[in-house]
Structures are given as C-alpha cells and as structure tokens.
C-alpha cells in the first residue's frame, strides 16, 4: 500500500511538472482555415466545411477519441463530388466544448448536432456516423427524423444490448477501466487524467483500431493527440467517460423511423466493434445497402479512403 502511494505521488509530481512546462493552446489557435465555431444553445461547437453550401449536405460525425481529423480524406472527396460536406467535433472531443457539467450522452449529442444544423440553417442532410458517432446518428434519426435525408453507419450504431460482454471489453471500452475509477471531484483528477491520457494512449488506441498498425504514422498520431494541447481536455474527457445515457434507444425503435436509404459499412477485421453487429442492423433496417472491406479494421475511411469515398459517393448519388 505504501509503495502504491509513493507511485501515485510520483506520478502526480511528474504530471504536474509536465503540465507546468507545456504550452497549452486555445481551440481558436488550433482551428484550421476551413474551420469555424458555432454557439449551439451555449455549447461551443467546432466544425469544418468543404464544397458549395447550395449543394446537398453531408454531416460527418466521428467516433470515440476522434474529431474532424477522422474525416480528412472524406471531406474534400465529397466536395469534389458535388456535396456540401460538414465534419464536426462532438463535445468534449476535438476543439469543441469541454465543460464537465455538460451531459455528454449520445441523445444529448444528437440534439447538439441538430442544433448545429439549425444554426447553419440546414433543414436536411445525410447523416454519417462512425462508431460512437453511429450511436449518435441512430439517436439523431429517432429524435429528428425530419432532418435525415439518408443515413450512413460506419462500424457504428452501437446498441449496448447487442454487444457481447467479451466484445464490450475490447477496443475503446477497455481504456475506460482506469478512468472510471477516478473521482471527478478529486483535486488530483486533472493530473491523473493527464497521466493516463497521453499521446501514447492515442497511438495505442489507433493502432489497435487499424487492421495494419503500420499504417499509423506520426502525422496520424499527432492528429488524434491534438486534443492534449487544450488545457481542459482531460476534465472533459473524464466527464464523457463517466456520462450516462438517460434516453437509450433500441434497434427496433431505429427501424421504425429509419425508412430512408441507409448504408452500413464495416471493416471485416474490426476488433473494436464486431461486424456481427452490422449484420444484425442490416437484417433489422428496412432500406439498407451493405458494404464490407477485407483486411480493414475499425476505420475504413482512413484505412481504405479511396474505396470508402467511392462507395459513399455512389450511395449518395442513388
């Protein structure tokens, strides 16, 4: 016990020194030229756009630990194909709001996405959700069906009741075990989160998501770890990790409203979310196109961007 206490004290001391030496940046300083911020009912939302705003709209929603960076290949490809593409950062990820008192549930995130569309005066769009973003897209379709033209799930639409205990322990979920043990009200919580959520955390997470981890370059690692440059990122991350979904939905509920054309995309070697979940969704939803990729893991839009973009654009053009 004494040794454990010494370790924790040492860890906090090292973290404190690291944080003191680190030059943090504001989200505004990290925003890219095609990015902007919107106030959605008091929540700061960062988003990026490409294409003509008069064209059909495609909203791209990232998954756990992701951001607009996840869609770096899809955004320009969609614009070139004649669409107005918008990728966004779900709070507390990327450059969006990290206020720990926000709910951070999937249903709340869906409402925030709807609010962003209202702020941008977008009446209807194709909603694309990856992984956790698929769960947000499912919530969005149930809560705001009038805003959905088409629906796309990329290894997403995660319904916890359909994921086995073994699968639920894999991938991103296994990373929460240590985080969930942290008391968010403890004064040391931000330091502990800084010690846990490091660049290596993102590197290891992305490598475990890719079928071929050698594809994960320093550029990709830096893109995902950019979150760490924002001072309050750990507190927001902790609040998200301990958030509770107060309005869960079932696949039956989704199927009752998801009559619009729907595309389900999956990597056949996905180790984070089993392709069997995609098969279950495929059988339940009434108007589905189904695409899978061999030797691709949890991130088809990054691991096979050209093929993914071509399939997505072909579906959108139907």
Protein backbone atom coordinates (compact mmCIF):
# COMPACT_ATOMS: atom_id res chain seq x y z
CA UNK A 1 0.00 0.00 0.00
CA UNK A 2 2.86 2.35 0.91
CA UNK A 3 4.63 1.58 -2.39
CA UNK A 4 1.41 2.26 -4.27
CA UNK A 5 1.05 5.61 -2.50
CA UNK A 6 4.63 6.55 -3.41
CA UNK A 7 3.91 5.62 -7.05
CA UNK A 8 0.79 7.77 -7.18
CA UNK A 9 2.59 10.74 -5.61
CA UNK A 10 5.46 10.34 -8.08
CA UNK A 11 3.05 10.08 -10.98
CA UNK A 12 1.25 13.23 -9.93
CA UNK A 13 4.53 15.07 -9.43
CA UNK A 14 5.76 14.15 -12.90
CA UNK A 15 2.40 15.11 -14.39
CA UNK A 16 2.47 18.46 -12.60
CA UNK A 17 5.96 19.20 -13.96
CA UNK A 18 4.86 18.20 -17.46
CA UNK A 19 1.77 20.37 -17.34
CA UNK A 20 3.75 23.33 -15.98
CA UNK A 21 6.24 23.01 -18.84
CA UNK A 22 3.61 22.52 -21.52
CA UNK A 23 2.41 25.48 -23.56
CA UNK A 24 -1.31 24.99 -23.97
CA UNK A 25 -3.27 26.42 -26.88
CA UNK A 26 -6.84 27.58 -27.26
CA UNK A 27 -9.24 25.84 -29.66
CA UNK A 28 -9.25 29.02 -31.76
CA UNK A 29 -5.48 28.79 -32.17
CA UNK A 30 -5.77 25.19 -33.36
CA UNK A 31 -8.64 25.76 -35.80
CA UNK A 32 -7.89 25.14 -39.48
CA UNK A 33 -8.67 27.63 -42.29
CA UNK A 34 -11.83 25.75 -43.29
CA UNK A 35 -13.00 25.53 -39.67
CA UNK A 36 -15.35 27.67 -37.61
CA UNK A 37 -17.09 27.75 -34.24
CA UNK A 38 -20.83 27.93 -33.61
CA UNK A 39 -22.70 28.63 -30.39
CA UNK A 40 -25.40 25.98 -30.03
CA UNK A 41 -27.51 26.81 -27.01
CA UNK A 42 -24.44 27.93 -25.12
CA UNK A 43 -22.27 25.00 -26.28
CA UNK A 44 -19.23 25.83 -28.42
CA UNK A 45 -19.14 23.54 -31.47
CA UNK A 46 -16.21 23.35 -33.87
CA UNK A 47 -16.86 22.24 -37.45
CA UNK A 48 -15.14 22.20 -40.84
CA UNK A 49 -16.69 22.55 -44.28
CA UNK A 50 -15.87 21.85 -47.90
CA UNK A 51 -17.90 22.46 -51.05
CA UNK A 52 -20.75 24.70 -52.13
CA UNK A 53 -23.36 25.39 -49.40
CA UNK A 54 -26.04 25.21 -52.09
CA UNK A 55 -25.27 21.53 -52.70
CA UNK A 56 -26.79 18.54 -50.84
CA UNK A 57 -25.42 18.41 -47.29
CA UNK A 58 -23.49 15.53 -45.71
CA UNK A 59 -22.85 15.71 -41.94
CA UNK A 60 -19.88 13.62 -40.76
CA UNK A 61 -19.86 12.51 -37.10
CA UNK A 62 -16.71 10.95 -35.64
CA UNK A 63 -16.38 8.23 -33.01
CA UNK A 64 -14.74 7.93 -29.59
CA UNK A 65 -11.48 9.89 -29.40
CA UNK A 66 -11.98 11.21 -32.92
CA UNK A 67 -12.58 14.65 -34.36
CA UNK A 68 -12.84 16.39 -37.71
CA UNK A 69 -9.42 14.84 -38.35
CA UNK A 70 -11.15 11.46 -38.79
CA UNK A 71 -12.79 12.73 -41.99
CA UNK A 72 -9.72 14.41 -43.53
CA UNK A 73 -9.96 12.26 -46.68
CA UNK A 74 -13.76 12.18 -46.98
CA UNK A 75 -14.38 15.92 -46.66
CA UNK A 76 -12.61 17.06 -49.87
CA UNK A 77 -13.75 13.97 -51.79
CA UNK A 78 -17.39 14.73 -51.02
CA UNK A 79 -16.92 18.36 -52.01
CA UNK A 80 -15.35 17.34 -55.32
CA UNK A 81 -18.33 15.04 -55.95
CA UNK A 82 -20.81 17.91 -55.63
CA UNK A 83 -21.79 17.80 -51.96
CA UNK A 84 -21.51 20.31 -49.14
CA UNK A 85 -19.57 18.32 -46.53
CA UNK A 86 -19.51 19.26 -42.86
CA UNK A 87 -17.43 17.42 -40.27
CA UNK A 88 -17.84 18.34 -36.62
CA UNK A 89 -16.26 17.80 -33.24
CA UNK A 90 -18.65 16.27 -30.72
CA UNK A 91 -18.13 17.77 -27.26
CA UNK A 92 -15.83 17.12 -25.44
CA UNK A 93 -13.63 15.94 -28.34
CA UNK A 94 -11.54 17.90 -30.79
CA UNK A 95 -11.91 21.64 -30.44
CA UNK A 96 -15.49 21.66 -29.15
CA UNK A 97 -16.77 22.47 -25.65
CA UNK A 98 -15.26 20.52 -22.75
CA UNK A 99 -17.29 21.93 -19.87
CA UNK A 100 -17.52 18.96 -17.44
CA UNK A 101 -21.09 19.79 -16.38
CA UNK A 102 -22.42 19.00 -19.87
CA UNK A 103 -24.33 15.67 -20.17
CA UNK A 104 -22.21 14.12 -22.97
CA UNK A 105 -24.83 11.39 -23.56
CA UNK A 106 -25.47 10.14 -27.11
CA UNK A 107 -29.00 11.56 -27.08
CA UNK A 108 -27.68 14.95 -25.95
CA UNK A 109 -25.02 14.84 -28.67
CA UNK A 110 -27.72 14.12 -31.26
CA UNK A 111 -29.63 17.19 -30.14
CA UNK A 112 -26.46 19.29 -30.32
CA UNK A 113 -25.89 18.14 -33.92
CA UNK A 114 -29.49 19.09 -34.71
CA UNK A 115 -28.86 22.46 -33.08
CA UNK A 116 -25.77 22.97 -35.22
CA UNK A 117 -27.84 22.26 -38.33
CA UNK A 118 -30.40 24.84 -37.20
CA UNK A 119 -27.65 27.37 -36.54
CA UNK A 120 -26.30 26.81 -40.06
CA UNK A 121 -29.88 26.93 -41.48
CA UNK A 122 -29.62 23.37 -42.81
CA UNK A 123 -33.03 21.71 -42.99
CA UNK A 124 -31.98 18.21 -44.04
CA UNK A 125 -28.78 16.24 -44.56
CA UNK A 126 -27.28 12.81 -44.97
CA UNK A 127 -26.06 11.84 -41.51
CA UNK A 128 -22.86 9.76 -41.41
CA UNK A 129 -21.79 8.32 -38.06
CA UNK A 130 -18.68 6.32 -37.24
CA UNK A 131 -18.50 4.02 -34.20
CA UNK A 132 -19.81 6.04 -31.22
CA UNK A 133 -20.86 8.61 -33.80
CA UNK A 134 -23.05 5.88 -35.26
CA UNK A 135 -24.84 5.67 -31.91
CA UNK A 136 -25.30 9.46 -32.13
CA UNK A 137 -26.60 9.09 -35.70
CA UNK A 138 -29.09 6.46 -34.52
CA UNK A 139 -30.30 8.78 -31.76
CA UNK A 140 -30.48 11.59 -34.30
CA UNK A 141 -32.65 9.54 -36.66
CA UNK A 142 -35.07 8.68 -33.85
CA UNK A 143 -35.19 12.17 -32.34
CA UNK A 144 -35.01 14.25 -35.55
CA UNK A 145 -36.18 12.05 -38.45
CA UNK A 146 -37.38 15.06 -40.47
CA UNK A 147 -33.76 16.25 -40.72
CA UNK A 148 -32.42 12.99 -42.18
CA UNK A 149 -32.27 12.53 -45.95
CA UNK A 150 -30.10 9.42 -45.85
CA UNK A 151 -28.32 7.55 -43.08
CA UNK A 152 -24.84 6.01 -43.04
CA UNK A 153 -23.34 3.84 -40.30
CA UNK A 154 -19.59 3.21 -40.44
CA UNK A 155 -18.86 0.46 -37.89
CA UNK A 156 -21.43 2.28 -35.83
CA UNK A 157 -24.93 2.39 -34.43
CA UNK A 158 -23.67 0.80 -31.22
CA UNK A 159 -26.52 -0.67 -29.24
CA UNK A 160 -25.05 -1.97 -25.99
CA UNK A 161 -27.66 -4.73 -25.69
CA UNK A 162 -26.35 -6.23 -28.94
CA UNK A 163 -22.68 -6.30 -27.93
CA UNK A 164 -21.47 -9.33 -26.04
CA UNK A 165 -19.56 -8.99 -22.78
CA UNK A 166 -16.34 -10.06 -24.48
CA UNK A 167 -16.73 -7.53 -27.28
CA UNK A 168 -17.64 -4.80 -24.85
CA UNK A 169 -14.29 -5.33 -23.11
CA UNK A 170 -12.32 -4.82 -26.31
CA UNK A 171 -11.16 -1.73 -28.13
CA UNK A 172 -12.03 1.67 -26.74
CA UNK A 173 -14.08 0.29 -23.86
CA UNK A 174 -11.08 -1.38 -22.23
CA UNK A 175 -9.37 2.01 -21.99
CA UNK A 176 -12.04 3.26 -19.61
CA UNK A 177 -11.29 0.86 -16.74
CA UNK A 178 -8.70 3.11 -15.10
CA UNK A 179 -10.52 6.33 -16.00
CA UNK A 180 -13.80 5.20 -14.47
CA UNK A 181 -12.08 4.68 -11.12
CA UNK A 182 -11.17 8.37 -10.86
CA UNK A 183 -13.33 10.59 -8.67
CA UNK A 184 -14.10 13.61 -10.92
CA UNK A 185 -14.45 15.87 -7.86
CA UNK A 186 -11.00 15.00 -6.52
CA UNK A 187 -8.47 17.84 -6.75
CA UNK A 188 -5.97 15.43 -8.30
CA UNK A 189 -8.37 14.30 -11.06
CA UNK A 190 -6.97 16.58 -13.81
CA UNK A 191 -3.41 15.46 -13.02
CA UNK A 192 -4.37 11.79 -13.03
CA UNK A 193 -6.15 12.23 -16.37
CA UNK A 194 -3.07 13.94 -17.81
CA UNK A 195 -1.03 10.95 -16.69
CA UNK A 196 -3.46 8.48 -18.30
CA UNK A 197 -4.50 10.30 -21.47
CA UNK A 198 -1.19 10.79 -23.23
CA UNK A 199 0.00 10.75 -26.82
CA UNK A 200 0.85 7.08 -26.34
CA UNK A 201 -2.75 6.46 -25.29
CA UNK A 202 -3.94 7.75 -28.64
CA UNK A 203 -1.19 5.96 -30.57
CA UNK A 204 -2.00 2.62 -28.96
CA UNK A 205 -5.75 3.13 -29.38
CA UNK A 206 -5.49 3.95 -33.09
CA UNK A 207 -3.08 1.10 -33.73
CA UNK A 208 -5.48 -1.32 -32.08
CA UNK A 209 -8.28 0.00 -34.29
CA UNK A 210 -6.35 -0.41 -37.56
CA UNK A 211 -6.05 -3.83 -39.17
CA UNK A 212 -2.48 -2.93 -40.16
CA UNK A 213 -0.98 -0.86 -37.30
CA UNK A 214 2.00 0.06 -39.51
CA UNK A 215 -0.36 2.44 -41.32
CA UNK A 216 -0.44 4.64 -38.22
CA UNK A 217 2.11 7.36 -38.95
CA UNK A 218 3.36 10.15 -36.68
CA UNK A 219 1.07 12.52 -38.58
CA UNK A 220 -1.95 10.39 -37.69
CA UNK A 221 -0.85 10.10 -34.06
CA UNK A 222 -0.39 13.86 -33.82
CA UNK A 223 -3.75 14.48 -35.44
CA UNK A 224 -5.59 12.44 -32.83
CA UNK A 225 -3.45 13.65 -29.92
CA UNK A 226 -4.03 17.33 -30.77
CA UNK A 227 -6.71 17.26 -28.07
CA UNK A 228 -3.94 17.20 -25.46
CA UNK A 229 -2.83 20.72 -26.45
CA UNK A 230 -6.00 22.11 -24.83
CA UNK A 231 -5.71 22.65 -21.10
CA UNK A 232 -9.17 21.48 -20.02
CA UNK A 233 -9.23 18.44 -22.31
CA UNK A 234 -8.64 15.86 -19.51
CA UNK A 235 -11.54 17.15 -17.41
CA UNK A 236 -13.92 16.98 -20.38
CA UNK A 237 -12.63 13.53 -21.28
CA UNK A 238 -13.30 12.30 -17.75
CA UNK A 239 -16.82 13.76 -17.78
CA UNK A 240 -17.54 11.97 -21.05
CA UNK A 241 -16.15 8.67 -19.80
CA UNK A 242 -18.46 8.77 -16.79
CA UNK A 243 -21.53 10.05 -18.62
CA UNK A 244 -24.78 8.05 -18.53
CA UNK A 245 -27.22 7.57 -21.41
CA UNK A 246 -30.58 8.61 -19.97
CA UNK A 247 -32.55 8.03 -23.18
CA UNK A 248 -31.31 4.76 -24.72
CA UNK A 249 -32.95 3.51 -27.89
CA UNK A 250 -33.37 0.03 -29.30
CA UNK A 251 -32.74 -1.25 -32.79
CA UNK A 252 -36.50 -1.76 -33.12
CA UNK A 253 -37.06 1.93 -32.39
CA UNK A 254 -34.50 2.89 -35.01
CA UNK A 255 -36.02 0.54 -37.58
CA UNK A 256 -39.45 2.13 -37.04
CA UNK A 257 -38.22 5.53 -38.24
CA UNK A 258 -35.19 4.69 -40.42
CA UNK A 259 -37.14 4.13 -43.62
CA UNK A 260 -34.80 6.43 -45.54
CA UNK A 261 -31.99 4.89 -47.65
CA UNK A 262 -29.35 3.57 -45.25
CA UNK A 263 -25.78 2.46 -45.89
CA UNK A 264 -23.92 0.21 -43.45
CA UNK A 265 -20.14 0.00 -43.88
CA UNK A 266 -17.83 -2.32 -41.93
CA UNK A 267 -14.24 -3.49 -41.92
CA UNK A 268 -14.16 -7.28 -41.89
CA UNK A 269 -11.27 -7.25 -39.39
CA UNK A 270 -12.86 -4.79 -36.96
CA UNK A 271 -11.56 -5.65 -33.49
CA UNK A 272 -13.42 -2.83 -31.72
CA UNK A 273 -16.99 -3.43 -32.84
CA UNK A 274 -17.81 -6.84 -34.31
CA UNK A 275 -19.11 -7.00 -37.85
CA UNK A 276 -21.86 -9.23 -36.44
CA UNK A 277 -23.48 -6.06 -35.05
CA UNK A 278 -23.55 -4.69 -38.59
CA UNK A 279 -25.19 -7.89 -39.80
CA UNK A 280 -27.84 -7.56 -37.07
CA UNK A 281 -28.54 -3.96 -38.11
CA UNK A 282 -28.64 -5.00 -41.76
CA UNK A 283 -31.36 -7.54 -41.04
CA UNK A 284 -33.41 -5.14 -38.93
CA UNK A 285 -33.41 -1.96 -41.02
CA UNK A 286 -35.81 -1.79 -43.96
CA UNK A 287 -33.86 0.05 -46.69
CA UNK A 288 -30.22 -0.99 -46.43
CA UNK A 289 -27.16 -1.07 -48.65
CA UNK A 290 -24.30 -3.14 -47.22
CA UNK A 291 -20.55 -2.76 -47.91
CA UNK A 292 -17.65 -4.56 -46.21
CA UNK A 293 -13.89 -4.37 -46.72
CA UNK A 294 -11.39 -7.20 -46.42
CA UNK A 295 -8.22 -6.53 -44.41
CA UNK A 296 -9.72 -3.36 -42.92
CA UNK A 297 -10.32 -2.72 -39.24
CA UNK A 298 -12.42 -0.18 -37.38
CA UNK A 299 -11.58 2.88 -39.52
CA UNK A 300 -12.48 2.22 -43.18
CA UNK A 301 -12.45 5.94 -44.01
CA UNK A 302 -8.77 6.03 -43.04
CA UNK A 303 -7.55 2.53 -43.84
CA UNK A 304 -9.09 2.40 -47.34
CA UNK A 305 -10.03 6.04 -48.05
CA UNK A 306 -10.29 5.89 -51.84
CA UNK A 307 -12.55 2.84 -51.85
CA UNK A 308 -14.60 4.12 -48.93
CA UNK A 309 -15.11 7.53 -50.53
CA UNK A 310 -16.13 5.96 -53.84
CA UNK A 311 -18.69 3.70 -52.15
CA UNK A 312 -20.08 6.54 -50.03
CA UNK A 313 -20.41 8.87 -53.02
CA UNK A 314 -22.02 6.12 -55.10
CA UNK A 315 -24.60 5.58 -52.37
CA UNK A 316 -25.27 9.30 -52.02
CA UNK A 317 -25.78 9.56 -55.77
CA UNK A 318 -28.51 6.93 -55.85
